[in-house]
Amino acid sequence: MQTERLDATFAALADPTRRAIVARLAKGEATVMELAEPFEMSQPAISKHLKVLERAGLVSRGRDAQRRPCRLEAAPLREVTDWLERYRDLWDARFDRLDNLLEELKQKEKRHGRKR
């Protein structure tokens, strides 16, 4: 189940328009019309993007009288962050080894430079 949800989240975030919508919703709720404003596309096109984000669990829609505000849901982003965090530890360890190697090379270069 977690793999399917991660796949859906990454697929939803693969599109730059959807990432922009997520970035906007990170600032607070917005209606479809408000979300459509900065884009040169129709409201139905924005609605299609929102449906993809909703299926991935990234966005939910509420009811406030006549308004149907969209809001960002944090759980899928938290799962992506947790997944990426495992790889961060791997890369940190590799960068630490690279830093150590570079420091050793600098020290060798200093020693050899003095002997000349």
PDB file of N, CA and C in Angstrom:
ATOM      1  N   MET A   1       0.822  -1.198   0.000  1.00  0.00           N
ATOM      2  CA  MET A   1       0.000   0.000   0.000  1.00  0.00           C
ATOM      3  C   MET A   1       0.863   1.258   0.000  1.00  0.00           C
ATOM      4  N   GLN A   2       1.920   1.267   0.830  1.00  0.00           N
ATOM      5  CA  GLN A   2       2.766   2.447   0.896  1.00  0.00           C
ATOM      6  C   GLN A   2       3.437   2.712  -0.449  1.00  0.00           C
ATOM      7  N   THR A   3       3.850   1.660  -1.138  1.00  0.00           N
ATOM      8  CA  THR A   3       4.486   1.826  -2.448  1.00  0.00           C
ATOM      9  C   THR A   3       3.516   2.461  -3.434  1.00  0.00           C
ATOM     10  N   GLU A   4       2.272   2.009  -3.441  1.00  0.00           N
ATOM     11  CA  GLU A   4       1.268   2.587  -4.347  1.00  0.00           C
ATOM     12  C   GLU A   4       1.034   4.058  -4.037  1.00  0.00           C
ATOM     13  N   ARG A   5       1.005   4.385  -2.757  1.00  0.00           N
ATOM     14  CA  ARG A   5       0.767   5.780  -2.379  1.00  0.00           C
ATOM     15  C   ARG A   5       1.962   6.655  -2.756  1.00  0.00           C
ATOM     16  N   LEU A   6       3.175   6.133  -2.551  1.00  0.00           N
ATOM     17  CA  LEU A   6       4.363   6.871  -2.977  1.00  0.00           C
ATOM     18  C   LEU A   6       4.371   7.071  -4.487  1.00  0.00           C
ATOM     19  N   ASP A   7       4.028   6.028  -5.226  1.00  0.00           N
ATOM     20  CA  ASP A   7       3.958   6.135  -6.686  1.00  0.00           C
ATOM     21  C   ASP A   7       2.968   7.215  -7.100  1.00  0.00           C
ATOM     22  N   ALA A   8       1.799   7.223  -6.474  1.00  0.00           N
ATOM     23  CA  ALA A   8       0.766   8.214  -6.798  1.00  0.00           C
ATOM     24  C   ALA A   8       1.249   9.626  -6.452  1.00  0.00           C
ATOM     25  N   THR A   9       1.924   9.751  -5.329  1.00  0.00           N
ATOM     26  CA  THR A   9       2.417  11.066  -4.917  1.00  0.00           C
ATOM     27  C   THR A   9       3.481  11.572  -5.880  1.00  0.00           C
ATOM     28  N   PHE A  10       4.460  10.719  -6.204  1.00  0.00           N
ATOM     29  CA  PHE A  10       5.501  11.134  -7.137  1.00  0.00           C
ATOM     30  C   PHE A  10       4.921  11.435  -8.518  1.00  0.00           C
ATOM     31  N   ALA A  11       3.967  10.632  -8.964  1.00  0.00           N
ATOM     32  CA  ALA A  11       3.348  10.880 -10.272  1.00  0.00           C
ATOM     33  C   ALA A  11       2.610  12.216 -10.269  1.00  0.00           C
ATOM     34  N   ALA A  12       1.902  12.500  -9.188  1.00  0.00           N
ATOM     35  CA  ALA A  12       1.174  13.766  -9.094  1.00  0.00           C
ATOM     36  C   ALA A  12       2.136  14.948  -9.079  1.00  0.00           C
ATOM     37  N   LEU A  13       3.261  14.798  -8.397  1.00  0.00           N
ATOM     38  CA  LEU A  13       4.218  15.893  -8.277  1.00  0.00           C
ATOM     39  C   LEU A  13       5.149  16.011  -9.477  1.00  0.00           C
ATOM     40  N   ALA A  14       5.054  15.077 -10.413  1.00  0.00           N
ATOM     41  CA  ALA A  14       5.918  15.115 -11.596  1.00  0.00           C
ATOM     42  C   ALA A  14       5.578  16.278 -12.522  1.00  0.00           C
ATOM     43  N   ASP A  15       4.370  16.790 -12.415  1.00  0.00           N
ATOM     44  CA  ASP A  15       3.930  17.871 -13.293  1.00  0.00           C
ATOM     45  C   ASP A  15       4.202  19.232 -12.640  1.00  0.00           C
ATOM     46  N   PRO A  16       4.823  20.168 -13.371  1.00  0.00           N
ATOM     47  CA  PRO A  16       5.144  21.471 -12.784  1.00  0.00           C
ATOM     48  C   PRO A  16       3.913  22.276 -12.364  1.00  0.00           C
ATOM     49  N   THR A  17       2.818  22.144 -13.091  1.00  0.00           N
ATOM     50  CA  THR A  17       1.594  22.856 -12.703  1.00  0.00           C
ATOM     51  C   THR A  17       1.084  22.343 -11.370  1.00  0.00           C
ATOM     52  N   ARG A  18       1.101  21.034 -11.193  1.00  0.00           N
ATOM     53  CA  ARG A  18       0.629  20.476  -9.928  1.00  0.00           C
ATOM     54  C   ARG A  18       1.557  20.848  -8.778  1.00  0.00           C
ATOM     55  N   ARG A  19       2.868  20.897  -9.046  1.00  0.00           N
ATOM     56  CA  ARG A  19       3.789  21.341  -7.994  1.00  0.00           C
ATOM     57  C   ARG A  19       3.516  22.789  -7.618  1.00  0.00           C
ATOM     58  N   ALA A  20       3.199  23.610  -8.601  1.00  0.00           N
ATOM     59  CA  ALA A  20       2.878  25.020  -8.323  1.00  0.00           C
ATOM     60  C   ALA A  20       1.588  25.120  -7.502  1.00  0.00           C
ATOM     61  N   ILE A  21       0.625  24.271  -7.801  1.00  0.00           N
ATOM     62  CA  ILE A  21      -0.621  24.260  -7.026  1.00  0.00           C
ATOM     63  C   ILE A  21      -0.325  23.852  -5.586  1.00  0.00           C
ATOM     64  N   VAL A  22       0.491  22.836  -5.407  1.00  0.00           N
ATOM     65  CA  VAL A  22       0.864  22.400  -4.054  1.00  0.00           C
ATOM     66  C   VAL A  22       1.579  23.538  -3.322  1.00  0.00           C
ATOM     67  N   ALA A  23       2.487  24.221  -4.007  1.00  0.00           N
ATOM     68  CA  ALA A  23       3.208  25.343  -3.384  1.00  0.00           C
ATOM     69  C   ALA A  23       2.234  26.443  -2.969  1.00  0.00           C
ATOM     70  N   ARG A  24       1.262  26.722  -3.817  1.00  0.00           N
ATOM     71  CA  ARG A  24       0.268  27.754  -3.469  1.00  0.00           C
ATOM     72  C   ARG A  24      -0.562  27.325  -2.269  1.00  0.00           C
ATOM     73  N   LEU A  25      -0.991  26.056  -2.257  1.00  0.00           N
ATOM     74  CA  LEU A  25      -1.823  25.572  -1.154  1.00  0.00           C
ATOM     75  C   LEU A  25      -1.036  25.460   0.155  1.00  0.00           C
ATOM     76  N   ALA A  26       0.281  25.395   0.065  1.00  0.00           N
ATOM     77  CA  ALA A  26       1.101  25.389   1.281  1.00  0.00           C
ATOM     78  C   ALA A  26       0.959  26.713   2.030  1.00  0.00           C
ATOM     79  N   LYS A  27       0.541  27.759   1.326  1.00  0.00           N
ATOM     80  CA  LYS A  27       0.331  29.079   1.945  1.00  0.00           C
ATOM     81  C   LYS A  27      -1.061  29.206   2.560  1.00  0.00           C
ATOM     82  N   GLY A  28      -1.963  28.289   2.202  1.00  0.00           N
ATOM     83  CA  GLY A  28      -3.316  28.343   2.737  1.00  0.00           C
ATOM     84  C   GLY A  28      -4.346  27.900   1.714  1.00  0.00           C
ATOM     85  N   GLU A  29      -5.575  27.731   2.178  1.00  0.00           N
ATOM     86  CA  GLU A  29      -6.660  27.278   1.317  1.00  0.00           C
ATOM     87  C   GLU A  29      -6.876  28.226   0.147  1.00  0.00           C
ATOM     88  N   ALA A  30      -7.429  27.677  -0.944  1.00  0.00           N
ATOM     89  CA  ALA A  30      -7.741  28.482  -2.121  1.00  0.00           C
ATOM     90  C   ALA A  30      -8.844  27.782  -2.915  1.00  0.00           C
ATOM     91  N   THR A  31      -9.621  28.563  -3.623  1.00  0.00           N
ATOM     92  CA  THR A  31     -10.648  27.999  -4.502  1.00  0.00           C
ATOM     93  C   THR A  31     -10.008  27.648  -5.841  1.00  0.00           C
ATOM     94  N   VAL A  32     -10.747  26.924  -6.655  1.00  0.00           N
ATOM     95  CA  VAL A  32     -10.251  26.568  -7.991  1.00  0.00           C
ATOM     96  C   VAL A  32      -9.974  27.832  -8.793  1.00  0.00           C
ATOM     97  N   MET A  33     -10.861  28.801  -8.685  1.00  0.00           N
ATOM     98  CA  MET A  33     -10.657  30.070  -9.414  1.00  0.00           C
ATOM     99  C   MET A  33      -9.376  30.759  -8.951  1.00  0.00           C
ATOM    100  N   GLU A  34      -9.120  30.772  -7.652  1.00  0.00           N
ATOM    101  CA  GLU A  34      -7.901  31.396  -7.133  1.00  0.00           C
ATOM    102  C   GLU A  34      -6.665  30.630  -7.597  1.00  0.00           C
ATOM    103  N   LEU A  35      -6.778  29.317  -7.652  1.00  0.00           N
ATOM    104  CA  LEU A  35      -5.643  28.503  -8.101  1.00  0.00           C
ATOM    105  C   LEU A  35      -5.382  28.684  -9.591  1.00  0.00           C
ATOM    106  N   ALA A  36      -6.433  28.933 -10.357  1.00  0.00           N
ATOM    107  CA  ALA A  36      -6.303  29.074 -11.806  1.00  0.00           C
ATOM    108  C   ALA A  36      -5.701  30.423 -12.221  1.00  0.00           C
ATOM    109  N   GLU A  37      -5.795  31.439 -11.359  1.00  0.00           N
ATOM    110  CA  GLU A  37      -5.366  32.796 -11.717  1.00  0.00           C
ATOM    111  C   GLU A  37      -3.974  32.897 -12.333  1.00  0.00           C
ATOM    112  N   PRO A  38      -2.936  32.317 -11.723  1.00  0.00           N
ATOM    113  CA  PRO A  38      -1.592  32.540 -12.287  1.00  0.00           C
ATOM    114  C   PRO A  38      -1.281  31.721 -13.545  1.00  0.00           C
ATOM    115  N   PHE A  39      -2.174  30.837 -13.934  1.00  0.00           N
ATOM    116  CA  PHE A  39      -1.901  29.955 -15.067  1.00  0.00           C
ATOM    117  C   PHE A  39      -2.667  30.391 -16.308  1.00  0.00           C
ATOM    118  N   GLU A  40      -2.079  30.125 -17.453  1.00  0.00           N
ATOM    119  CA  GLU A  40      -2.755  30.387 -18.716  1.00  0.00           C
ATOM    120  C   GLU A  40      -3.474  29.121 -19.154  1.00  0.00           C
ATOM    121  N   MET A  41      -4.428  28.698 -18.330  1.00  0.00           N
ATOM    122  CA  MET A  41      -5.230  27.524 -18.661  1.00  0.00           C
ATOM    123  C   MET A  41      -6.611  27.706 -18.065  1.00  0.00           C
ATOM    124  N   SER A  42      -7.532  26.922 -18.561  1.00  0.00           N
ATOM    125  CA  SER A  42      -8.917  27.053 -18.136  1.00  0.00           C
ATOM    126  C   SER A  42      -9.141  26.483 -16.737  1.00  0.00           C
ATOM    127  N   GLN A  43     -10.252  26.864 -16.174  1.00  0.00           N
ATOM    128  CA  GLN A  43     -10.629  26.321 -14.866  1.00  0.00           C
ATOM    129  C   GLN A  43     -10.822  24.800 -14.949  1.00  0.00           C
ATOM    130  N   PRO A  44     -11.439  24.252 -16.021  1.00  0.00           N
ATOM    131  CA  PRO A  44     -11.538  22.793 -16.123  1.00  0.00           C
ATOM    132  C   PRO A  44     -10.170  22.099 -16.163  1.00  0.00           C
ATOM    133  N   ALA A  45      -9.180  22.737 -16.796  1.00  0.00           N
ATOM    134  CA  ALA A  45      -7.839  22.147 -16.833  1.00  0.00           C
ATOM    135  C   ALA A  45      -7.241  22.120 -15.424  1.00  0.00           C
ATOM    136  N   ILE A  46      -7.419  23.187 -14.672  1.00  0.00           N
ATOM    137  CA  ILE A  46      -6.941  23.219 -13.283  1.00  0.00           C
ATOM    138  C   ILE A  46      -7.676  22.157 -12.474  1.00  0.00           C
ATOM    139  N   SER A  47      -8.967  21.997 -12.711  1.00  0.00           N
ATOM    140  CA  SER A  47      -9.747  20.981 -11.995  1.00  0.00           C
ATOM    141  C   SER A  47      -9.209  19.582 -12.264  1.00  0.00           C
ATOM    142  N   LYS A  48      -8.766  19.323 -13.486  1.00  0.00           N
ATOM    143  CA  LYS A  48      -8.171  18.018 -13.797  1.00  0.00           C
ATOM    144  C   LYS A  48      -6.891  17.808 -12.996  1.00  0.00           C
ATOM    145  N   HIS A  49      -6.083  18.840 -12.905  1.00  0.00           N
ATOM    146  CA  HIS A  49      -4.866  18.739 -12.097  1.00  0.00           C
ATOM    147  C   HIS A  49      -5.220  18.491 -10.629  1.00  0.00           C
ATOM    148  N   LEU A  50      -6.242  19.172 -10.151  1.00  0.00           N
ATOM    149  CA  LEU A  50      -6.668  18.990  -8.760  1.00  0.00           C
ATOM    150  C   LEU A  50      -7.155  17.568  -8.512  1.00  0.00           C
ATOM    151  N   LYS A  51      -7.828  16.979  -9.481  1.00  0.00           N
ATOM    152  CA  LYS A  51      -8.297  15.600  -9.320  1.00  0.00           C
ATOM    153  C   LYS A  51      -7.119  14.638  -9.172  1.00  0.00           C
ATOM    154  N   VAL A  52      -6.060  14.866  -9.932  1.00  0.00           N
ATOM    155  CA  VAL A  52      -4.862  14.031  -9.799  1.00  0.00           C
ATOM    156  C   VAL A  52      -4.280  14.189  -8.400  1.00  0.00           C
ATOM    157  N   LEU A  53      -4.204  15.426  -7.929  1.00  0.00           N
ATOM    158  CA  LEU A  53      -3.679  15.691  -6.591  1.00  0.00           C
ATOM    159  C   LEU A  53      -4.579  15.086  -5.511  1.00  0.00           C
ATOM    160  N   GLU A  54      -5.887  15.129  -5.735  1.00  0.00           N
ATOM    161  CA  GLU A  54      -6.824  14.525  -4.782  1.00  0.00           C
ATOM    162  C   GLU A  54      -6.663  13.009  -4.733  1.00  0.00           C
ATOM    163  N   ARG A  55      -6.548  12.374  -5.908  1.00  0.00           N
ATOM    164  CA  ARG A  55      -6.371  10.914  -5.935  1.00  0.00           C
ATOM    165  C   ARG A  55      -5.096  10.491  -5.211  1.00  0.00           C
ATOM    166  N   ALA A  56      -4.083  11.337  -5.259  1.00  0.00           N
ATOM    167  CA  ALA A  56      -2.830  11.042  -4.571  1.00  0.00           C
ATOM    168  C   ALA A  56      -2.921  11.378  -3.076  1.00  0.00           C
ATOM    169  N   GLY A  57      -4.033  11.976  -2.665  1.00  0.00           N
ATOM    170  CA  GLY A  57      -4.219  12.330  -1.258  1.00  0.00           C
ATOM    171  C   GLY A  57      -3.532  13.622  -0.854  1.00  0.00           C
ATOM    172  N   LEU A  58      -3.018  14.366  -1.833  1.00  0.00           N
ATOM    173  CA  LEU A  58      -2.298  15.597  -1.538  1.00  0.00           C
ATOM    174  C   LEU A  58      -3.204  16.792  -1.301  1.00  0.00           C
ATOM    175  N   VAL A  59      -4.416  16.726  -1.838  1.00  0.00           N
ATOM    176  CA  VAL A  59      -5.350  17.844  -1.751  1.00  0.00           C
ATOM    177  C   VAL A  59      -6.719  17.318  -1.345  1.00  0.00           C
ATOM    178  N   SER A  60      -7.414  18.096  -0.544  1.00  0.00           N
ATOM    179  CA  SER A  60      -8.803  17.790  -0.225  1.00  0.00           C
ATOM    180  C   SER A  60      -9.619  19.053  -0.457  1.00  0.00           C
ATOM    181  N   ARG A  61     -10.909  18.851  -0.663  1.00  0.00           N
ATOM    182  CA  ARG A  61     -11.808  19.994  -0.876  1.00  0.00           C
ATOM    183  C   ARG A  61     -12.847  20.005   0.228  1.00  0.00           C
ATOM    184  N   GLY A  62     -13.102  21.184   0.713  1.00  0.00           N
ATOM    185  CA  GLY A  62     -14.104  21.345   1.764  1.00  0.00           C
ATOM    186  C   GLY A  62     -15.316  22.094   1.248  1.00  0.00           C
ATOM    187  N   ARG A  63     -16.201  22.402   2.160  1.00  0.00           N
ATOM    188  CA  ARG A  63     -17.387  23.207   1.825  1.00  0.00           C
ATOM    189  C   ARG A  63     -17.478  24.336   2.827  1.00  0.00           C
ATOM    190  N   ASP A  64     -17.605  25.538   2.298  1.00  0.00           N
ATOM    191  CA  ASP A  64     -17.773  26.722   3.126  1.00  0.00           C
ATOM    192  C   ASP A  64     -18.826  27.577   2.426  1.00  0.00           C
ATOM    193  N   ALA A  65     -20.086  27.314   2.757  1.00  0.00           N
ATOM    194  CA  ALA A  65     -21.227  27.966   2.085  1.00  0.00           C
ATOM    195  C   ALA A  65     -21.138  27.669   0.582  1.00  0.00           C
ATOM    196  N   GLN A  66     -20.946  28.688  -0.232  1.00  0.00           N
ATOM    197  CA  GLN A  66     -20.855  28.495  -1.682  1.00  0.00           C
ATOM    198  C   GLN A  66     -19.430  28.160  -2.129  1.00  0.00           C
ATOM    199  N   ARG A  67     -18.476  28.405  -1.277  1.00  0.00           N
ATOM    200  CA  ARG A  67     -17.064  28.138  -1.617  1.00  0.00           C
ATOM    201  C   ARG A  67     -16.734  26.673  -1.422  1.00  0.00           C
ATOM    202  N   ARG A  68     -15.828  26.178  -2.250  1.00  0.00           N
ATOM    203  CA  ARG A  68     -15.281  24.833  -2.076  1.00  0.00           C
ATOM    204  C   ARG A  68     -13.768  24.956  -2.021  1.00  0.00           C
ATOM    205  N   PRO A  69     -13.269  25.394  -0.878  1.00  0.00           N
ATOM    206  CA  PRO A  69     -11.815  25.615  -0.791  1.00  0.00           C
ATOM    207  C   PRO A  69     -11.025  24.309  -0.864  1.00  0.00           C
ATOM    208  N   CYS A  70      -9.884  24.401  -1.503  1.00  0.00           N
ATOM    209  CA  CYS A  70      -8.955  23.275  -1.577  1.00  0.00           C
ATOM    210  C   CYS A  70      -7.909  23.497  -0.505  1.00  0.00           C
ATOM    211  N   ARG A  71      -7.463  22.399   0.084  1.00  0.00           N
ATOM    212  CA  ARG A  71      -6.404  22.505   1.103  1.00  0.00           C
ATOM    213  C   ARG A  71      -5.389  21.399   0.884  1.00  0.00           C
ATOM    214  N   LEU A  72      -4.178  21.682   1.286  1.00  0.00           N
ATOM    215  CA  LEU A  72      -3.086  20.729   1.168  1.00  0.00           C
ATOM    216  C   LEU A  72      -3.167  19.726   2.309  1.00  0.00           C
ATOM    217  N   GLU A  73      -2.950  18.460   1.988  1.00  0.00           N
ATOM    218  CA  GLU A  73      -2.916  17.398   2.993  1.00  0.00           C
ATOM    219  C   GLU A  73      -1.468  16.978   3.182  1.00  0.00           C
ATOM    220  N   ALA A  74      -1.014  16.969   4.410  1.00  0.00           N
ATOM    221  CA  ALA A  74       0.409  16.766   4.694  1.00  0.00           C
ATOM    222  C   ALA A  74       0.856  15.303   4.689  1.00  0.00           C
ATOM    223  N   ALA A  75      -0.036  14.370   4.944  1.00  0.00           N
ATOM    224  CA  ALA A  75       0.377  12.963   5.123  1.00  0.00           C
ATOM    225  C   ALA A  75       1.188  12.402   3.949  1.00  0.00           C
ATOM    226  N   PRO A  76       0.742  12.557   2.703  1.00  0.00           N
ATOM    227  CA  PRO A  76       1.547  12.000   1.604  1.00  0.00           C
ATOM    228  C   PRO A  76       2.928  12.656   1.493  1.00  0.00           C
ATOM    229  N   LEU A  77       3.009  13.943   1.770  1.00  0.00           N
ATOM    230  CA  LEU A  77       4.310  14.617   1.717  1.00  0.00           C
ATOM    231  C   LEU A  77       5.216  14.123   2.838  1.00  0.00           C
ATOM    232  N   ARG A  78       4.635  13.823   3.973  1.00  0.00           N
ATOM    233  CA  ARG A  78       5.412  13.274   5.091  1.00  0.00           C
ATOM    234  C   ARG A  78       5.971  11.904   4.708  1.00  0.00           C
ATOM    235  N   GLU A  79       5.159  11.098   4.030  1.00  0.00           N
ATOM    236  CA  GLU A  79       5.619   9.772   3.599  1.00  0.00           C
ATOM    237  C   GLU A  79       6.766   9.887   2.600  1.00  0.00           C
ATOM    238  N   VAL A  80       6.676  10.843   1.687  1.00  0.00           N
ATOM    239  CA  VAL A  80       7.754  11.065   0.722  1.00  0.00           C
ATOM    240  C   VAL A  80       9.016  11.511   1.454  1.00  0.00           C
ATOM    241  N   THR A  81       8.856  12.412   2.405  1.00  0.00           N
ATOM    242  CA  THR A  81      10.005  12.884   3.182  1.00  0.00           C
ATOM    243  C   THR A  81      10.658  11.736   3.941  1.00  0.00           C
ATOM    244  N   ASP A  82       9.854  10.887   4.557  1.00  0.00           N
ATOM    245  CA  ASP A  82      10.397   9.728   5.282  1.00  0.00           C
ATOM    246  C   ASP A  82      11.158   8.802   4.337  1.00  0.00           C
ATOM    247  N   TRP A  83      10.601   8.576   3.154  1.00  0.00           N
ATOM    248  CA  TRP A  83      11.243   7.711   2.165  1.00  0.00           C
ATOM    249  C   TRP A  83      12.574   8.309   1.718  1.00  0.00           C
ATOM    250  N   LEU A  84      12.580   9.611   1.441  1.00  0.00           N
ATOM    251  CA  LEU A  84      13.804  10.278   1.004  1.00  0.00           C
ATOM    252  C   LEU A  84      14.846  10.346   2.111  1.00  0.00           C
ATOM    253  N   GLU A  85      14.393  10.419   3.340  1.00  0.00           N
ATOM    254  CA  GLU A  85      15.311  10.520   4.479  1.00  0.00           C
ATOM    255  C   GLU A  85      16.242   9.311   4.568  1.00  0.00           C
ATOM    256  N   ARG A  86      15.724   8.142   4.215  1.00  0.00           N
ATOM    257  CA  ARG A  86      16.576   6.944   4.218  1.00  0.00           C
ATOM    258  C   ARG A  86      17.742   7.096   3.251  1.00  0.00           C
ATOM    259  N   TYR A  87      17.500   7.727   2.126  1.00  0.00           N
ATOM    260  CA  TYR A  87      18.542   7.924   1.132  1.00  0.00           C
ATOM    261  C   TYR A  87      19.464   9.070   1.513  1.00  0.00           C
ATOM    262  N   ARG A  88      18.959  10.016   2.271  1.00  0.00           N
ATOM    263  CA  ARG A  88      19.799  11.111   2.752  1.00  0.00           C
ATOM    264  C   ARG A  88      20.924  10.551   3.622  1.00  0.00           C
ATOM    265  N   ASP A  89      20.601   9.624   4.501  1.00  0.00           N
ATOM    266  CA  ASP A  89      21.622   9.014   5.355  1.00  0.00           C
ATOM    267  C   ASP A  89      22.701   8.340   4.514  1.00  0.00           C
ATOM    268  N   LEU A  90      22.286   7.643   3.466  1.00  0.00           N
ATOM    269  CA  LEU A  90      23.237   6.992   2.567  1.00  0.00           C
ATOM    270  C   LEU A  90      24.157   8.019   1.913  1.00  0.00           C
ATOM    271  N   TRP A  91      23.577   9.096   1.368  1.00  0.00           N
ATOM    272  CA  TRP A  91      24.382  10.111   0.695  1.00  0.00           C
ATOM    273  C   TRP A  91      25.254  10.878   1.671  1.00  0.00           C
ATOM    274  N   ASP A  92      24.737  11.139   2.874  1.00  0.00           N
ATOM    275  CA  ASP A  92      25.574  11.814   3.877  1.00  0.00           C
ATOM    276  C   ASP A  92      26.817  10.996   4.184  1.00  0.00           C
ATOM    277  N   ALA A  93      26.648   9.680   4.341  1.00  0.00           N
ATOM    278  CA  ALA A  93      27.795   8.808   4.618  1.00  0.00           C
ATOM    279  C   ALA A  93      28.785   8.840   3.450  1.00  0.00           C
ATOM    280  N   ARG A  94      28.271   8.842   2.233  1.00  0.00           N
ATOM    281  CA  ARG A  94      29.165   8.883   1.066  1.00  0.00           C
ATOM    282  C   ARG A  94      29.894  10.216   0.975  1.00  0.00           C
ATOM    283  N   PHE A  95      29.206  11.298   1.260  1.00  0.00           N
ATOM    284  CA  PHE A  95      29.860  12.610   1.225  1.00  0.00           C
ATOM    285  C   PHE A  95      30.900  12.734   2.330  1.00  0.00           C
ATOM    286  N   ASP A  96      30.616  12.141   3.489  1.00  0.00           N
ATOM    287  CA  ASP A  96      31.606  12.145   4.573  1.00  0.00           C
ATOM    288  C   ASP A  96      32.873  11.413   4.142  1.00  0.00           C
ATOM    289  N   ARG A  97      32.706  10.260   3.484  1.00  0.00           N
ATOM    290  CA  ARG A  97      33.877   9.517   3.004  1.00  0.00           C
ATOM    291  C   ARG A  97      34.635  10.329   1.955  1.00  0.00           C
ATOM    292  N   LEU A  98      33.892  11.004   1.081  1.00  0.00           N
ATOM    293  CA  LEU A  98      34.537  11.838   0.061  1.00  0.00           C
ATOM    294  C   LEU A  98      35.292  12.993   0.713  1.00  0.00           C
ATOM    295  N   ASP A  99      34.696  13.627   1.713  1.00  0.00           N
ATOM    296  CA  ASP A  99      35.379  14.706   2.438  1.00  0.00           C
ATOM    297  C   ASP A  99      36.674  14.209   3.056  1.00  0.00           C
ATOM    298  N   ASN A 100      36.627  13.021   3.670  1.00  0.00           N
ATOM    299  CA  ASN A 100      37.825  12.452   4.284  1.00  0.00           C
ATOM    300  C   ASN A 100      38.908  12.181   3.240  1.00  0.00           C
ATOM    301  N   LEU A 101      38.510  11.632   2.110  1.00  0.00           N
ATOM    302  CA  LEU A 101      39.465  11.353   1.039  1.00  0.00           C
ATOM    303  C   LEU A 101      40.090  12.644   0.522  1.00  0.00           C
ATOM    304  N   LEU A 102      39.269  13.660   0.314  1.00  0.00           N
ATOM    305  CA  LEU A 102      39.796  14.936  -0.169  1.00  0.00           C
ATOM    306  C   LEU A 102      40.765  15.553   0.839  1.00  0.00           C
ATOM    307  N   GLU A 103      40.436  15.440   2.109  1.00  0.00           N
ATOM    308  CA  GLU A 103      41.340  15.952   3.148  1.00  0.00           C
ATOM    309  C   GLU A 103      42.666  15.200   3.133  1.00  0.00           C
ATOM    310  N   GLU A 104      42.622  13.875   2.976  1.00  0.00           N
ATOM    311  CA  GLU A 104      43.847  13.079   2.884  1.00  0.00           C
ATOM    312  C   GLU A 104      44.681  13.517   1.688  1.00  0.00           C
ATOM    313  N   LEU A 105      44.024  13.732   0.548  1.00  0.00           N
ATOM    314  CA  LEU A 105      44.746  14.164  -0.655  1.00  0.00           C
ATOM    315  C   LEU A 105      45.388  15.534  -0.453  1.00  0.00           C
ATOM    316  N   LYS A 106      44.690  16.444   0.212  1.00  0.00           N
ATOM    317  CA  LYS A 106      45.257  17.767   0.494  1.00  0.00           C
ATOM    318  C   LYS A 106      46.495  17.643   1.377  1.00  0.00           C
ATOM    319  N   GLN A 107      46.394  16.796   2.396  1.00  0.00           N
ATOM    320  CA  GLN A 107      47.525  16.607   3.305  1.00  0.00           C
ATOM    321  C   GLN A 107      48.729  16.015   2.563  1.00  0.00           C
ATOM    322  N   LYS A 108      48.475  15.032   1.703  1.00  0.00           N
ATOM    323  CA  LYS A 108      49.557  14.437   0.912  1.00  0.00           C
ATOM    324  C   LYS A 108      50.195  15.481   0.006  1.00  0.00           C
ATOM    325  N   GLU A 109      49.353  16.303  -0.605  1.00  0.00           N
ATOM    326  CA  GLU A 109      49.856  17.341  -1.508  1.00  0.00           C
ATOM    327  C   GLU A 109      50.713  18.337  -0.739  1.00  0.00           C
ATOM    328  N   LYS A 110      50.302  18.705   0.452  1.00  0.00           N
ATOM    329  CA  LYS A 110      51.101  19.630   1.268  1.00  0.00           C
ATOM    330  C   LYS A 110      52.441  19.010   1.629  1.00  0.00           C
ATOM    331  N   ARG A 111      52.409  17.716   2.028  1.00  0.00           N
ATOM    332  CA  ARG A 111      53.657  17.041   2.406  1.00  0.00           C
ATOM    333  C   ARG A 111      54.590  16.931   1.209  1.00  0.00           C
ATOM    334  N   HIS A 112      54.072  16.558   0.067  1.00  0.00           N
ATOM    335  CA  HIS A 112      54.908  16.402  -1.127  1.00  0.00           C
ATOM    336  C   HIS A 112      55.395  17.757  -1.647  1.00  0.00           C
ATOM    337  N   GLY A 113      54.604  18.755  -1.477  1.00  0.00           N
ATOM    338  CA  GLY A 113      54.977  20.101  -1.910  1.00  0.00           C
ATOM    339  C   GLY A 113      56.138  20.643  -1.115  1.00  0.00           C
ATOM    340  N   ARG A 114      56.208  20.321   0.175  1.00  0.00           N
ATOM    341  CA  ARG A 114      57.276  20.793   1.063  1.00  0.00           C
ATOM    342  C   ARG A 114      58.590  20.082   0.771  1.00  0.00           C
ATOM    343  N   LYS A 115      58.511  18.825   0.348  1.00  0.00           N
ATOM    344  CA  LYS A 115      59.724  18.040   0.101  1.00  0.00           C
ATOM    345  C   LYS A 115      60.438  18.501  -1.160  1.00  0.00           C
ATOM    346  N   ARG A 116      59.745  19.125  -2.079  1.00  0.00           N
ATOM    347  CA  ARG A 116      60.347  19.515  -3.358  1.00  0.00           C
ATOM    348  C   ARG A 116      61.284  20.638  -3.214  1.00  0.00           C
TER     349      ARG A 116
END
